[in-house]
């Protein structure tokens, strides 16, 4: 399998799982992973919006993996996506302190994705 195609399929799978964890049952997710027993309507709304944003980007990545169209652009968006998330997380670490272990794990994962995506982007088709 082509490296770029495989990377995009993996990116889709990872972001889809995370998105569905956030949004299918925000109360369960917030209680079990974030220590927030009653997140309220606004928090659930944000998690469901984030779920759909993640799924939309993941669908784009999957489309680009399964067709040859826009494959390099899709890889760049994985880098921008992960880079934006990790920048926000690092800012929050500095201003707010450390969050739950799951969110620290996400930050490490996103930090690793940025250079990996750049390396894959630079590989020949």
PDB file of N, CA and C in Angstrom:
ATOM      1  N   UNK A   1       0.841  -1.178   0.000  1.00  0.00           N
ATOM      2  CA  UNK A   1       0.000   0.000   0.000  1.00  0.00           C
ATOM      3  C   UNK A   1       0.887   1.243   0.000  1.00  0.00           C
ATOM      4  N   UNK A   2       0.490   2.213  -0.741  1.00  0.00           N
ATOM      5  CA  UNK A   2       1.179   3.487  -0.812  1.00  0.00           C
ATOM      6  C   UNK A   2       1.260   4.110   0.589  1.00  0.00           C
ATOM      7  N   UNK A   3       2.429   4.653   0.944  1.00  0.00           N
ATOM      8  CA  UNK A   3       2.657   5.243   2.259  1.00  0.00           C
ATOM      9  C   UNK A   3       1.671   6.368   2.559  1.00  0.00           C
ATOM     10  N   UNK A   4       1.456   7.240   1.586  1.00  0.00           N
ATOM     11  CA  UNK A   4       0.550   8.373   1.789  1.00  0.00           C
ATOM     12  C   UNK A   4      -0.890   7.890   1.990  1.00  0.00           C
ATOM     13  N   UNK A   5      -1.280   6.935   1.200  1.00  0.00           N
ATOM     14  CA  UNK A   5      -2.625   6.373   1.325  1.00  0.00           C
ATOM     15  C   UNK A   5      -2.812   5.727   2.699  1.00  0.00           C
ATOM     16  N   UNK A   6      -1.853   4.935   3.120  1.00  0.00           N
ATOM     17  CA  UNK A   6      -1.928   4.277   4.420  1.00  0.00           C
ATOM     18  C   UNK A   6      -1.963   5.272   5.571  1.00  0.00           C
ATOM     19  N   UNK A   7      -1.163   6.322   5.470  1.00  0.00           N
ATOM     20  CA  UNK A   7      -1.153   7.358   6.505  1.00  0.00           C
ATOM     21  C   UNK A   7      -2.523   8.017   6.621  1.00  0.00           C
ATOM     22  N   UNK A   8      -3.130   8.340   5.494  1.00  0.00           N
ATOM     23  CA  UNK A   8      -4.438   8.998   5.513  1.00  0.00           C
ATOM     24  C   UNK A   8      -5.534   8.076   6.044  1.00  0.00           C
ATOM     25  N   UNK A   9      -5.461   6.805   5.712  1.00  0.00           N
ATOM     26  CA  UNK A   9      -6.442   5.851   6.249  1.00  0.00           C
ATOM     27  C   UNK A   9      -6.278   5.733   7.764  1.00  0.00           C
ATOM     28  N   UNK A  10      -5.045   5.655   8.234  1.00  0.00           N
ATOM     29  CA  UNK A  10      -4.783   5.599   9.669  1.00  0.00           C
ATOM     30  C   UNK A  10      -5.240   6.886  10.360  1.00  0.00           C
ATOM     31  N   UNK A  11      -4.970   8.034   9.747  1.00  0.00           N
ATOM     32  CA  UNK A  11      -5.409   9.314  10.313  1.00  0.00           C
ATOM     33  C   UNK A  11      -6.931   9.348  10.423  1.00  0.00           C
ATOM     34  N   UNK A  12      -7.617   8.884   9.380  1.00  0.00           N
ATOM     35  CA  UNK A  12      -9.077   8.820   9.429  1.00  0.00           C
ATOM     36  C   UNK A  12      -9.546   7.936  10.583  1.00  0.00           C
ATOM     37  N   UNK A  13      -8.967   6.752  10.691  1.00  0.00           N
ATOM     38  CA  UNK A  13      -9.400   5.812  11.726  1.00  0.00           C
ATOM     39  C   UNK A  13      -9.182   6.383  13.129  1.00  0.00           C
ATOM     40  N   UNK A  14      -8.022   6.986  13.340  1.00  0.00           N
ATOM     41  CA  UNK A  14      -7.718   7.543  14.658  1.00  0.00           C
ATOM     42  C   UNK A  14      -8.663   8.685  15.007  1.00  0.00           C
ATOM     43  N   UNK A  15      -8.855   9.594  14.082  1.00  0.00           N
ATOM     44  CA  UNK A  15      -9.691  10.759  14.376  1.00  0.00           C
ATOM     45  C   UNK A  15     -11.162  10.352  14.498  1.00  0.00           C
ATOM     46  N   UNK A  16     -11.575   9.345  13.747  1.00  0.00           N
ATOM     47  CA  UNK A  16     -12.968   8.879  13.846  1.00  0.00           C
ATOM     48  C   UNK A  16     -13.241   8.265  15.217  1.00  0.00           C
ATOM     49  N   UNK A  17     -12.325   7.452  15.711  1.00  0.00           N
ATOM     50  CA  UNK A  17     -12.504   6.840  17.030  1.00  0.00           C
ATOM     51  C   UNK A  17     -12.562   7.921  18.108  1.00  0.00           C
ATOM     52  N   UNK A  18     -11.637   8.866  18.060  1.00  0.00           N
ATOM     53  CA  UNK A  18     -11.610   9.945  19.052  1.00  0.00           C
ATOM     54  C   UNK A  18     -12.884  10.778  18.959  1.00  0.00           C
ATOM     55  N   UNK A  19     -13.297  11.101  17.745  1.00  0.00           N
ATOM     56  CA  UNK A  19     -14.510  11.899  17.557  1.00  0.00           C
ATOM     57  C   UNK A  19     -15.732  11.196  18.129  1.00  0.00           C
ATOM     58  N   UNK A  20     -15.857   9.929  17.835  1.00  0.00           N
ATOM     59  CA  UNK A  20     -17.026   9.186  18.318  1.00  0.00           C
ATOM     60  C   UNK A  20     -17.010   9.043  19.833  1.00  0.00           C
ATOM     61  N   UNK A  21     -15.824   8.912  20.421  1.00  0.00           N
ATOM     62  CA  UNK A  21     -15.737   8.887  21.881  1.00  0.00           C
ATOM     63  C   UNK A  21     -16.244  10.199  22.473  1.00  0.00           C
ATOM     64  N   UNK A  22     -15.859  11.315  21.866  1.00  0.00           N
ATOM     65  CA  UNK A  22     -16.298  12.632  22.348  1.00  0.00           C
ATOM     66  C   UNK A  22     -17.797  12.808  22.233  1.00  0.00           C
ATOM     67  N   UNK A  23     -18.335  12.462  21.081  1.00  0.00           N
ATOM     68  CA  UNK A  23     -19.655  12.942  20.744  1.00  0.00           C
ATOM     69  C   UNK A  23     -20.826  12.003  20.874  1.00  0.00           C
ATOM     70  N   UNK A  24     -20.610  10.702  20.860  1.00  0.00           N
ATOM     71  CA  UNK A  24     -21.762   9.796  20.951  1.00  0.00           C
ATOM     72  C   UNK A  24     -22.460   9.961  22.296  1.00  0.00           C
ATOM     73  N   UNK A  25     -21.684   9.989  23.363  1.00  0.00           N
ATOM     74  CA  UNK A  25     -22.258  10.190  24.697  1.00  0.00           C
ATOM     75  C   UNK A  25     -21.331  11.119  25.487  1.00  0.00           C
ATOM     76  N   UNK A  26     -21.472  12.424  25.270  1.00  0.00           N
ATOM     77  CA  UNK A  26     -20.581  13.380  25.935  1.00  0.00           C
ATOM     78  C   UNK A  26     -20.590  13.286  27.457  1.00  0.00           C
ATOM     79  N   UNK A  27     -21.725  12.950  28.047  1.00  0.00           N
ATOM     80  CA  UNK A  27     -21.810  12.839  29.508  1.00  0.00           C
ATOM     81  C   UNK A  27     -20.936  11.679  29.986  1.00  0.00           C
ATOM     82  N   UNK A  28     -21.021  10.538  29.298  1.00  0.00           N
ATOM     83  CA  UNK A  28     -20.191   9.378  29.640  1.00  0.00           C
ATOM     84  C   UNK A  28     -18.708   9.715  29.460  1.00  0.00           C
ATOM     85  N   UNK A  29     -18.355  10.333  28.329  1.00  0.00           N
ATOM     86  CA  UNK A  29     -16.957  10.665  28.050  1.00  0.00           C
ATOM     87  C   UNK A  29     -16.414  11.629  29.104  1.00  0.00           C
ATOM     88  N   UNK A  30     -17.163  12.692  29.371  1.00  0.00           N
ATOM     89  CA  UNK A  30     -16.705  13.704  30.329  1.00  0.00           C
ATOM     90  C   UNK A  30     -16.554  13.108  31.727  1.00  0.00           C
ATOM     91  N   UNK A  31     -17.488  12.256  32.102  1.00  0.00           N
ATOM     92  CA  UNK A  31     -17.415  11.644  33.428  1.00  0.00           C
ATOM     93  C   UNK A  31     -16.285  10.653  33.570  1.00  0.00           C
ATOM     94  N   UNK A  32     -16.073   9.825  32.553  1.00  0.00           N
ATOM     95  CA  UNK A  32     -15.079   8.751  32.645  1.00  0.00           C
ATOM     96  C   UNK A  32     -13.661   9.177  32.316  1.00  0.00           C
ATOM     97  N   UNK A  33     -13.488  10.137  31.429  1.00  0.00           N
ATOM     98  CA  UNK A  33     -12.134  10.487  30.979  1.00  0.00           C
ATOM     99  C   UNK A  33     -11.674  11.867  31.424  1.00  0.00           C
ATOM    100  N   UNK A  34     -12.606  12.754  31.746  1.00  0.00           N
ATOM    101  CA  UNK A  34     -12.223  14.116  32.099  1.00  0.00           C
ATOM    102  C   UNK A  34     -12.546  14.462  33.545  1.00  0.00           C
ATOM    103  N   UNK A  35     -13.229  13.557  34.241  1.00  0.00           N
ATOM    104  CA  UNK A  35     -13.572  13.817  35.629  1.00  0.00           C
ATOM    105  C   UNK A  35     -14.634  14.889  35.807  1.00  0.00           C
ATOM    106  N   UNK A  36     -15.459  15.080  34.793  1.00  0.00           N
ATOM    107  CA  UNK A  36     -16.543  16.066  34.860  1.00  0.00           C
ATOM    108  C   UNK A  36     -17.852  15.286  34.975  1.00  0.00           C
ATOM    109  N   UNK A  37     -18.423  15.208  36.186  1.00  0.00           N
ATOM    110  CA  UNK A  37     -19.600  14.352  36.372  1.00  0.00           C
ATOM    111  C   UNK A  37     -20.858  14.832  35.658  1.00  0.00           C
ATOM    112  N   UNK A  38     -21.065  16.147  35.563  1.00  0.00           N
ATOM    113  CA  UNK A  38     -22.250  16.672  34.892  1.00  0.00           C
ATOM    114  C   UNK A  38     -21.822  17.819  33.974  1.00  0.00           C
ATOM    115  N   UNK A  39     -21.474  17.503  32.732  1.00  0.00           N
ATOM    116  CA  UNK A  39     -20.909  18.537  31.864  1.00  0.00           C
ATOM    117  C   UNK A  39     -21.902  19.601  31.418  1.00  0.00           C
ATOM    118  N   UNK A  40     -23.178  19.312  31.455  1.00  0.00           N
ATOM    119  CA  UNK A  40     -24.168  20.302  31.044  1.00  0.00           C
ATOM    120  C   UNK A  40     -24.344  20.356  29.534  1.00  0.00           C
ATOM    121  N   UNK A  41     -25.352  21.087  29.125  1.00  0.00           N
ATOM    122  CA  UNK A  41     -25.730  21.168  27.709  1.00  0.00           C
ATOM    123  C   UNK A  41     -24.649  21.846  26.874  1.00  0.00           C
ATOM    124  N   UNK A  42     -24.053  22.921  27.369  1.00  0.00           N
ATOM    125  CA  UNK A  42     -23.054  23.645  26.580  1.00  0.00           C
ATOM    126  C   UNK A  42     -21.808  22.803  26.311  1.00  0.00           C
ATOM    127  N   UNK A  43     -21.360  22.082  27.317  1.00  0.00           N
ATOM    128  CA  UNK A  43     -20.195  21.215  27.162  1.00  0.00           C
ATOM    129  C   UNK A  43     -20.502  20.086  26.179  1.00  0.00           C
ATOM    130  N   UNK A  44     -21.681  19.480  26.309  1.00  0.00           N
ATOM    131  CA  UNK A  44     -22.089  18.417  25.382  1.00  0.00           C
ATOM    132  C   UNK A  44     -22.194  18.958  23.964  1.00  0.00           C
ATOM    133  N   UNK A  45     -22.708  20.165  23.832  1.00  0.00           N
ATOM    134  CA  UNK A  45     -22.821  20.803  22.516  1.00  0.00           C
ATOM    135  C   UNK A  45     -21.440  20.962  21.875  1.00  0.00           C
ATOM    136  N   UNK A  46     -20.471  21.437  22.644  1.00  0.00           N
ATOM    137  CA  UNK A  46     -19.112  21.625  22.126  1.00  0.00           C
ATOM    138  C   UNK A  46     -18.508  20.284  21.714  1.00  0.00           C
ATOM    139  N   UNK A  47     -18.676  19.254  22.556  1.00  0.00           N
ATOM    140  CA  UNK A  47     -18.112  17.946  22.216  1.00  0.00           C
ATOM    141  C   UNK A  47     -18.751  17.364  20.956  1.00  0.00           C
ATOM    142  N   UNK A  48     -20.045  17.557  20.774  1.00  0.00           N
ATOM    143  CA  UNK A  48     -20.688  17.039  19.561  1.00  0.00           C
ATOM    144  C   UNK A  48     -20.274  17.836  18.333  1.00  0.00           C
ATOM    145  N   UNK A  49     -20.086  19.143  18.480  1.00  0.00           N
ATOM    146  CA  UNK A  49     -19.600  19.943  17.356  1.00  0.00           C
ATOM    147  C   UNK A  49     -18.183  19.520  16.971  1.00  0.00           C
ATOM    148  N   UNK A  50     -17.337  19.292  17.974  1.00  0.00           N
ATOM    149  CA  UNK A  50     -15.971  18.828  17.721  1.00  0.00           C
ATOM    150  C   UNK A  50     -16.007  17.456  17.050  1.00  0.00           C
ATOM    151  N   UNK A  51     -16.916  16.585  17.498  1.00  0.00           N
ATOM    152  CA  UNK A  51     -17.051  15.272  16.872  1.00  0.00           C
ATOM    153  C   UNK A  51     -17.299  15.421  15.374  1.00  0.00           C
ATOM    154  N   UNK A  52     -18.227  16.267  14.996  1.00  0.00           N
ATOM    155  CA  UNK A  52     -18.568  16.401  13.585  1.00  0.00           C
ATOM    156  C   UNK A  52     -17.466  17.090  12.794  1.00  0.00           C
ATOM    157  N   UNK A  53     -16.757  18.028  13.409  1.00  0.00           N
ATOM    158  CA  UNK A  53     -15.598  18.639  12.747  1.00  0.00           C
ATOM    159  C   UNK A  53     -14.532  17.580  12.471  1.00  0.00           C
ATOM    160  N   UNK A  54     -14.238  16.770  13.471  1.00  0.00           N
ATOM    161  CA  UNK A  54     -13.256  15.695  13.301  1.00  0.00           C
ATOM    162  C   UNK A  54     -13.703  14.708  12.225  1.00  0.00           C
ATOM    163  N   UNK A  55     -14.976  14.320  12.258  1.00  0.00           N
ATOM    164  CA  UNK A  55     -15.478  13.365  11.268  1.00  0.00           C
ATOM    165  C   UNK A  55     -15.443  13.946   9.856  1.00  0.00           C
ATOM    166  N   UNK A  56     -15.720  15.227   9.721  1.00  0.00           N
ATOM    167  CA  UNK A  56     -15.665  15.866   8.406  1.00  0.00           C
ATOM    168  C   UNK A  56     -14.242  15.854   7.861  1.00  0.00           C
ATOM    169  N   UNK A  57     -13.277  16.239   8.688  1.00  0.00           N
ATOM    170  CA  UNK A  57     -11.882  16.196   8.235  1.00  0.00           C
ATOM    171  C   UNK A  57     -11.449  14.764   7.954  1.00  0.00           C
ATOM    172  N   UNK A  58     -11.839  13.841   8.822  1.00  0.00           N
ATOM    173  CA  UNK A  58     -11.503  12.438   8.602  1.00  0.00           C
ATOM    174  C   UNK A  58     -12.089  11.908   7.305  1.00  0.00           C
ATOM    175  N   UNK A  59     -13.316  12.298   6.987  1.00  0.00           N
ATOM    176  CA  UNK A  59     -13.941  11.871   5.727  1.00  0.00           C
ATOM    177  C   UNK A  59     -13.163  12.411   4.533  1.00  0.00           C
ATOM    178  N   UNK A  60     -12.694  13.648   4.639  1.00  0.00           N
ATOM    179  CA  UNK A  60     -11.857  14.218   3.574  1.00  0.00           C
ATOM    180  C   UNK A  60     -10.569  13.415   3.417  1.00  0.00           C
ATOM    181  N   UNK A  61      -9.940  13.068   4.532  1.00  0.00           N
ATOM    182  CA  UNK A  61      -8.711  12.278   4.471  1.00  0.00           C
ATOM    183  C   UNK A  61      -8.958  10.910   3.867  1.00  0.00           C
ATOM    184  N   UNK A  62     -10.060  10.282   4.232  1.00  0.00           N
ATOM    185  CA  UNK A  62     -10.391   8.974   3.671  1.00  0.00           C
ATOM    186  C   UNK A  62     -10.673   9.082   2.173  1.00  0.00           C
ATOM    187  N   UNK A  63     -11.414  10.091   1.769  1.00  0.00           N
ATOM    188  CA  UNK A  63     -11.688  10.315   0.347  1.00  0.00           C
ATOM    189  C   UNK A  63     -10.381  10.467  -0.422  1.00  0.00           C
ATOM    190  N   UNK A  64      -9.464  11.254   0.119  1.00  0.00           N
ATOM    191  CA  UNK A  64      -8.183  11.486  -0.560  1.00  0.00           C
ATOM    192  C   UNK A  64      -7.302  10.236  -0.558  1.00  0.00           C
ATOM    193  N   UNK A  65      -7.467   9.384   0.434  1.00  0.00           N
ATOM    194  CA  UNK A  65      -6.713   8.126   0.466  1.00  0.00           C
ATOM    195  C   UNK A  65      -7.231   7.166  -0.596  1.00  0.00           C
ATOM    196  N   UNK A  66      -8.540   7.150  -0.774  1.00  0.00           N
ATOM    197  CA  UNK A  66      -9.153   6.182  -1.683  1.00  0.00           C
ATOM    198  C   UNK A  66      -9.167   6.651  -3.135  1.00  0.00           C
ATOM    199  N   UNK A  67      -8.917   7.927  -3.341  1.00  0.00           N
ATOM    200  CA  UNK A  67      -8.749   8.461  -4.695  1.00  0.00           C
ATOM    201  C   UNK A  67      -7.380   9.109  -4.730  1.00  0.00           C
ATOM    202  N   UNK A  68      -6.889   9.407  -5.876  1.00  0.00           N
ATOM    203  CA  UNK A  68      -5.588  10.076  -5.952  1.00  0.00           C
ATOM    204  C   UNK A  68      -5.714  11.593  -5.873  1.00  0.00           C
ATOM    205  N   UNK A  69      -6.941  12.075  -5.776  1.00  0.00           N
ATOM    206  CA  UNK A  69      -7.175  13.514  -5.792  1.00  0.00           C
ATOM    207  C   UNK A  69      -6.822  14.146  -4.446  1.00  0.00           C
ATOM    208  N   UNK A  70      -6.082  15.207  -4.482  1.00  0.00           N
ATOM    209  CA  UNK A  70      -5.791  16.040  -3.305  1.00  0.00           C
ATOM    210  C   UNK A  70      -5.055  15.308  -2.185  1.00  0.00           C
ATOM    211  N   UNK A  71      -4.366  14.245  -2.506  1.00  0.00           N
ATOM    212  CA  UNK A  71      -3.721  13.450  -1.455  1.00  0.00           C
ATOM    213  C   UNK A  71      -2.691  14.268  -0.673  1.00  0.00           C
ATOM    214  N   UNK A  72      -1.854  15.027  -1.374  1.00  0.00           N
ATOM    215  CA  UNK A  72      -0.858  15.837  -0.669  1.00  0.00           C
ATOM    216  C   UNK A  72      -1.514  16.936   0.165  1.00  0.00           C
ATOM    217  N   UNK A  73      -2.576  17.535  -0.353  1.00  0.00           N
ATOM    218  CA  UNK A  73      -3.297  18.550   0.425  1.00  0.00           C
ATOM    219  C   UNK A  73      -3.884  17.926   1.689  1.00  0.00           C
ATOM    220  N   UNK A  74      -4.381  16.721   1.586  1.00  0.00           N
ATOM    221  CA  UNK A  74      -4.940  16.038   2.753  1.00  0.00           C
ATOM    222  C   UNK A  74      -3.856  15.787   3.797  1.00  0.00           C
ATOM    223  N   UNK A  75      -2.679  15.404   3.363  1.00  0.00           N
ATOM    224  CA  UNK A  75      -1.589  15.171   4.314  1.00  0.00           C
ATOM    225  C   UNK A  75      -1.210  16.482   5.000  1.00  0.00           C
ATOM    226  N   UNK A  76      -1.178  17.573   4.237  1.00  0.00           N
ATOM    227  CA  UNK A  76      -0.899  18.871   4.853  1.00  0.00           C
ATOM    228  C   UNK A  76      -1.969  19.248   5.874  1.00  0.00           C
ATOM    229  N   UNK A  77      -3.223  18.921   5.594  1.00  0.00           N
ATOM    230  CA  UNK A  77      -4.262  19.258   6.569  1.00  0.00           C
ATOM    231  C   UNK A  77      -4.142  18.422   7.835  1.00  0.00           C
ATOM    232  N   UNK A  78      -3.624  17.201   7.745  1.00  0.00           N
ATOM    233  CA  UNK A  78      -3.397  16.435   8.981  1.00  0.00           C
ATOM    234  C   UNK A  78      -2.338  17.135   9.828  1.00  0.00           C
ATOM    235  N   UNK A  79      -1.345  17.716   9.160  1.00  0.00           N
ATOM    236  CA  UNK A  79      -0.294  18.424   9.874  1.00  0.00           C
ATOM    237  C   UNK A  79      -0.844  19.706  10.513  1.00  0.00           C
ATOM    238  N   UNK A  80      -1.658  20.446   9.777  1.00  0.00           N
ATOM    239  CA  UNK A  80      -2.253  21.671  10.311  1.00  0.00           C
ATOM    240  C   UNK A  80      -3.217  21.338  11.453  1.00  0.00           C
ATOM    241  N   UNK A  81      -4.000  20.304  11.272  1.00  0.00           N
ATOM    242  CA  UNK A  81      -4.963  19.864  12.289  1.00  0.00           C
ATOM    243  C   UNK A  81      -4.242  19.502  13.587  1.00  0.00           C
ATOM    244  N   UNK A  82      -3.262  18.604  13.497  1.00  0.00           N
ATOM    245  CA  UNK A  82      -2.538  18.172  14.682  1.00  0.00           C
ATOM    246  C   UNK A  82      -1.721  19.316  15.277  1.00  0.00           C
ATOM    247  N   UNK A  83      -1.117  20.130  14.419  1.00  0.00           N
ATOM    248  CA  UNK A  83      -0.326  21.258  14.903  1.00  0.00           C
ATOM    249  C   UNK A  83      -1.172  22.286  15.635  1.00  0.00           C
ATOM    250  N   UNK A  84      -2.352  22.556  15.106  1.00  0.00           N
ATOM    251  CA  UNK A  84      -3.254  23.485  15.780  1.00  0.00           C
ATOM    252  C   UNK A  84      -3.713  22.958  17.120  1.00  0.00           C
ATOM    253  N   UNK A  85      -4.048  21.680  17.162  1.00  0.00           N
ATOM    254  CA  UNK A  85      -4.478  21.080  18.422  1.00  0.00           C
ATOM    255  C   UNK A  85      -3.359  21.092  19.465  1.00  0.00           C
ATOM    256  N   UNK A  86      -2.168  20.701  19.058  1.00  0.00           N
ATOM    257  CA  UNK A  86      -1.077  20.639  20.038  1.00  0.00           C
ATOM    258  C   UNK A  86      -0.677  22.039  20.484  1.00  0.00           C
ATOM    259  N   UNK A  87      -0.758  23.035  19.613  1.00  0.00           N
ATOM    260  CA  UNK A  87      -0.459  24.413  20.027  1.00  0.00           C
ATOM    261  C   UNK A  87      -1.451  24.873  21.091  1.00  0.00           C
ATOM    262  N   UNK A  88      -2.723  24.575  20.872  1.00  0.00           N
ATOM    263  CA  UNK A  88      -3.729  24.935  21.869  1.00  0.00           C
ATOM    264  C   UNK A  88      -3.531  24.191  23.172  1.00  0.00           C
ATOM    265  N   UNK A  89      -3.153  22.939  23.079  1.00  0.00           N
ATOM    266  CA  UNK A  89      -2.928  22.152  24.302  1.00  0.00           C
ATOM    267  C   UNK A  89      -1.722  22.684  25.067  1.00  0.00           C
ATOM    268  N   UNK A  90      -0.645  23.017  24.368  1.00  0.00           N
ATOM    269  CA  UNK A  90       0.538  23.552  25.045  1.00  0.00           C
ATOM    270  C   UNK A  90       0.232  24.894  25.701  1.00  0.00           C
ATOM    271  N   UNK A  91      -0.554  25.717  25.032  1.00  0.00           N
ATOM    272  CA  UNK A  91      -0.979  26.976  25.623  1.00  0.00           C
ATOM    273  C   UNK A  91      -1.780  26.717  26.898  1.00  0.00           C
ATOM    274  N   UNK A  92      -2.683  25.754  26.838  1.00  0.00           N
ATOM    275  CA  UNK A  92      -3.480  25.408  28.012  1.00  0.00           C
ATOM    276  C   UNK A  92      -2.612  24.832  29.125  1.00  0.00           C
ATOM    277  N   UNK A  93      -1.616  24.010  28.777  1.00  0.00           N
ATOM    278  CA  UNK A  93      -0.712  23.481  29.803  1.00  0.00           C
ATOM    279  C   UNK A  93      -0.047  24.644  30.548  1.00  0.00           C
ATOM    280  N   UNK A  94       0.393  25.651  29.792  1.00  0.00           N
ATOM    281  CA  UNK A  94       1.093  26.791  30.384  1.00  0.00           C
ATOM    282  C   UNK A  94       0.154  27.663  31.219  1.00  0.00           C
ATOM    283  N   UNK A  95      -1.048  27.885  30.728  1.00  0.00           N
ATOM    284  CA  UNK A  95      -1.970  28.798  31.409  1.00  0.00           C
ATOM    285  C   UNK A  95      -2.848  28.128  32.464  1.00  0.00           C
ATOM    286  N   UNK A  96      -3.214  26.856  32.216  1.00  0.00           N
ATOM    287  CA  UNK A  96      -4.203  26.193  33.064  1.00  0.00           C
ATOM    288  C   UNK A  96      -3.648  25.059  33.910  1.00  0.00           C
ATOM    289  N   UNK A  97      -2.470  24.571  33.580  1.00  0.00           N
ATOM    290  CA  UNK A  97      -1.925  23.403  34.263  1.00  0.00           C
ATOM    291  C   UNK A  97      -2.213  22.137  33.473  1.00  0.00           C
ATOM    292  N   UNK A  98      -1.845  21.020  34.036  1.00  0.00           N
ATOM    293  CA  UNK A  98      -1.993  19.748  33.333  1.00  0.00           C
ATOM    294  C   UNK A  98      -3.425  19.225  33.432  1.00  0.00           C
ATOM    295  N   UNK A  99      -3.961  18.745  32.304  1.00  0.00           N
ATOM    296  CA  UNK A  99      -5.294  18.160  32.290  1.00  0.00           C
ATOM    297  C   UNK A  99      -5.234  16.666  32.604  1.00  0.00           C
ATOM    298  N   UNK A 100      -6.296  15.960  32.265  1.00  0.00           N
ATOM    299  CA  UNK A 100      -6.360  14.517  32.492  1.00  0.00           C
ATOM    300  C   UNK A 100      -5.282  13.801  31.669  1.00  0.00           C
ATOM    301  N   UNK A 101      -4.879  12.609  32.105  1.00  0.00           N
ATOM    302  CA  UNK A 101      -3.853  11.857  31.367  1.00  0.00           C
ATOM    303  C   UNK A 101      -4.227  11.599  29.906  1.00  0.00           C
ATOM    304  N   UNK A 102      -5.492  11.391  29.609  1.00  0.00           N
ATOM    305  CA  UNK A 102      -5.898  11.157  28.224  1.00  0.00           C
ATOM    306  C   UNK A 102      -5.563  12.358  27.358  1.00  0.00           C
ATOM    307  N   UNK A 103      -5.788  13.556  27.852  1.00  0.00           N
ATOM    308  CA  UNK A 103      -5.513  14.756  27.066  1.00  0.00           C
ATOM    309  C   UNK A 103      -4.007  15.001  26.918  1.00  0.00           C
ATOM    310  N   UNK A 104      -3.231  14.600  27.905  1.00  0.00           N
ATOM    311  CA  UNK A 104      -1.768  14.670  27.779  1.00  0.00           C
ATOM    312  C   UNK A 104      -1.301  13.687  26.708  1.00  0.00           C
ATOM    313  N   UNK A 105      -1.892  12.492  26.688  1.00  0.00           N
ATOM    314  CA  UNK A 105      -1.584  11.502  25.650  1.00  0.00           C
ATOM    315  C   UNK A 105      -1.922  12.046  24.270  1.00  0.00           C
ATOM    316  N   UNK A 106      -3.094  12.694  24.127  1.00  0.00           N
ATOM    317  CA  UNK A 106      -3.472  13.294  22.850  1.00  0.00           C
ATOM    318  C   UNK A 106      -2.425  14.314  22.407  1.00  0.00           C
ATOM    319  N   UNK A 107      -1.937  15.128  23.336  1.00  0.00           N
ATOM    320  CA  UNK A 107      -0.928  16.143  23.004  1.00  0.00           C
ATOM    321  C   UNK A 107       0.348  15.484  22.478  1.00  0.00           C
ATOM    322  N   UNK A 108       0.777  14.417  23.124  1.00  0.00           N
ATOM    323  CA  UNK A 108       1.983  13.713  22.671  1.00  0.00           C
ATOM    324  C   UNK A 108       1.774  13.122  21.279  1.00  0.00           C
ATOM    325  N   UNK A 109       0.615  12.547  21.059  1.00  0.00           N
ATOM    326  CA  UNK A 109       0.287  11.966  19.758  1.00  0.00           C
ATOM    327  C   UNK A 109       0.277  13.042  18.672  1.00  0.00           C
ATOM    328  N   UNK A 110      -0.373  14.151  18.949  1.00  0.00           N
ATOM    329  CA  UNK A 110      -0.452  15.242  17.973  1.00  0.00           C
ATOM    330  C   UNK A 110       0.924  15.827  17.689  1.00  0.00           C
ATOM    331  N   UNK A 111       1.749  15.919  18.717  1.00  0.00           N
ATOM    332  CA  UNK A 111       3.114  16.423  18.548  1.00  0.00           C
ATOM    333  C   UNK A 111       3.919  15.509  17.627  1.00  0.00           C
ATOM    334  N   UNK A 112       3.714  14.223  17.731  1.00  0.00           N
ATOM    335  CA  UNK A 112       4.420  13.263  16.878  1.00  0.00           C
ATOM    336  C   UNK A 112       3.891  13.278  15.443  1.00  0.00           C
ATOM    337  N   UNK A 113       2.617  13.575  15.270  1.00  0.00           N
ATOM    338  CA  UNK A 113       2.014  13.545  13.935  1.00  0.00           C
ATOM    339  C   UNK A 113       2.565  14.650  13.041  1.00  0.00           C
ATOM    340  N   UNK A 114       2.859  15.821  13.607  1.00  0.00           N
ATOM    341  CA  UNK A 114       3.297  16.953  12.784  1.00  0.00           C
ATOM    342  C   UNK A 114       4.559  16.617  11.983  1.00  0.00           C
ATOM    343  N   UNK A 115       5.662  16.204  12.600  1.00  0.00           N
ATOM    344  CA  UNK A 115       6.838  15.880  11.780  1.00  0.00           C
ATOM    345  C   UNK A 115       6.644  14.633  10.917  1.00  0.00           C
ATOM    346  N   UNK A 116       5.876  13.680  11.404  1.00  0.00           N
ATOM    347  CA  UNK A 116       5.601  12.487  10.599  1.00  0.00           C
ATOM    348  C   UNK A 116       4.842  12.853   9.327  1.00  0.00           C
ATOM    349  N   UNK A 117       3.825  13.690   9.460  1.00  0.00           N
ATOM    350  CA  UNK A 117       3.047  14.113   8.296  1.00  0.00           C
ATOM    351  C   UNK A 117       3.929  14.887   7.317  1.00  0.00           C
ATOM    352  N   UNK A 118       4.810  15.734   7.840  1.00  0.00           N
ATOM    353  CA  UNK A 118       5.715  16.488   6.956  1.00  0.00           C
ATOM    354  C   UNK A 118       6.630  15.540   6.201  1.00  0.00           C
ATOM    355  N   UNK A 119       7.164  14.537   6.884  1.00  0.00           N
ATOM    356  CA  UNK A 119       8.041  13.566   6.232  1.00  0.00           C
ATOM    357  C   UNK A 119       7.281  12.802   5.155  1.00  0.00           C
ATOM    358  N   UNK A 120       6.069  12.359   5.460  1.00  0.00           N
ATOM    359  CA  UNK A 120       5.264  11.616   4.490  1.00  0.00           C
ATOM    360  C   UNK A 120       4.899  12.498   3.313  1.00  0.00           C
ATOM    361  N   UNK A 121       4.567  13.746   3.565  1.00  0.00           N
ATOM    362  CA  UNK A 121       4.235  14.701   2.499  1.00  0.00           C
ATOM    363  C   UNK A 121       5.386  14.811   1.499  1.00  0.00           C
ATOM    364  N   UNK A 122       6.611  14.802   1.995  1.00  0.00           N
ATOM    365  CA  UNK A 122       7.794  14.989   1.143  1.00  0.00           C
ATOM    366  C   UNK A 122       8.183  13.733   0.363  1.00  0.00           C
ATOM    367  N   UNK A 123       7.556  12.610   0.669  1.00  0.00           N
ATOM    368  CA  UNK A 123       7.865  11.367  -0.046  1.00  0.00           C
ATOM    369  C   UNK A 123       7.239  11.389  -1.447  1.00  0.00           C
ATOM    370  N   UNK A 124       7.871  10.720  -2.398  1.00  0.00           N
ATOM    371  CA  UNK A 124       7.277  10.681  -3.742  1.00  0.00           C
ATOM    372  C   UNK A 124       5.977   9.869  -3.736  1.00  0.00           C
ATOM    373  N   UNK A 125       5.130  10.209  -4.689  1.00  0.00           N
ATOM    374  CA  UNK A 125       3.865   9.474  -4.817  1.00  0.00           C
ATOM    375  C   UNK A 125       4.172   8.092  -5.332  1.00  0.00           C
TER     376      UNK A 125
END
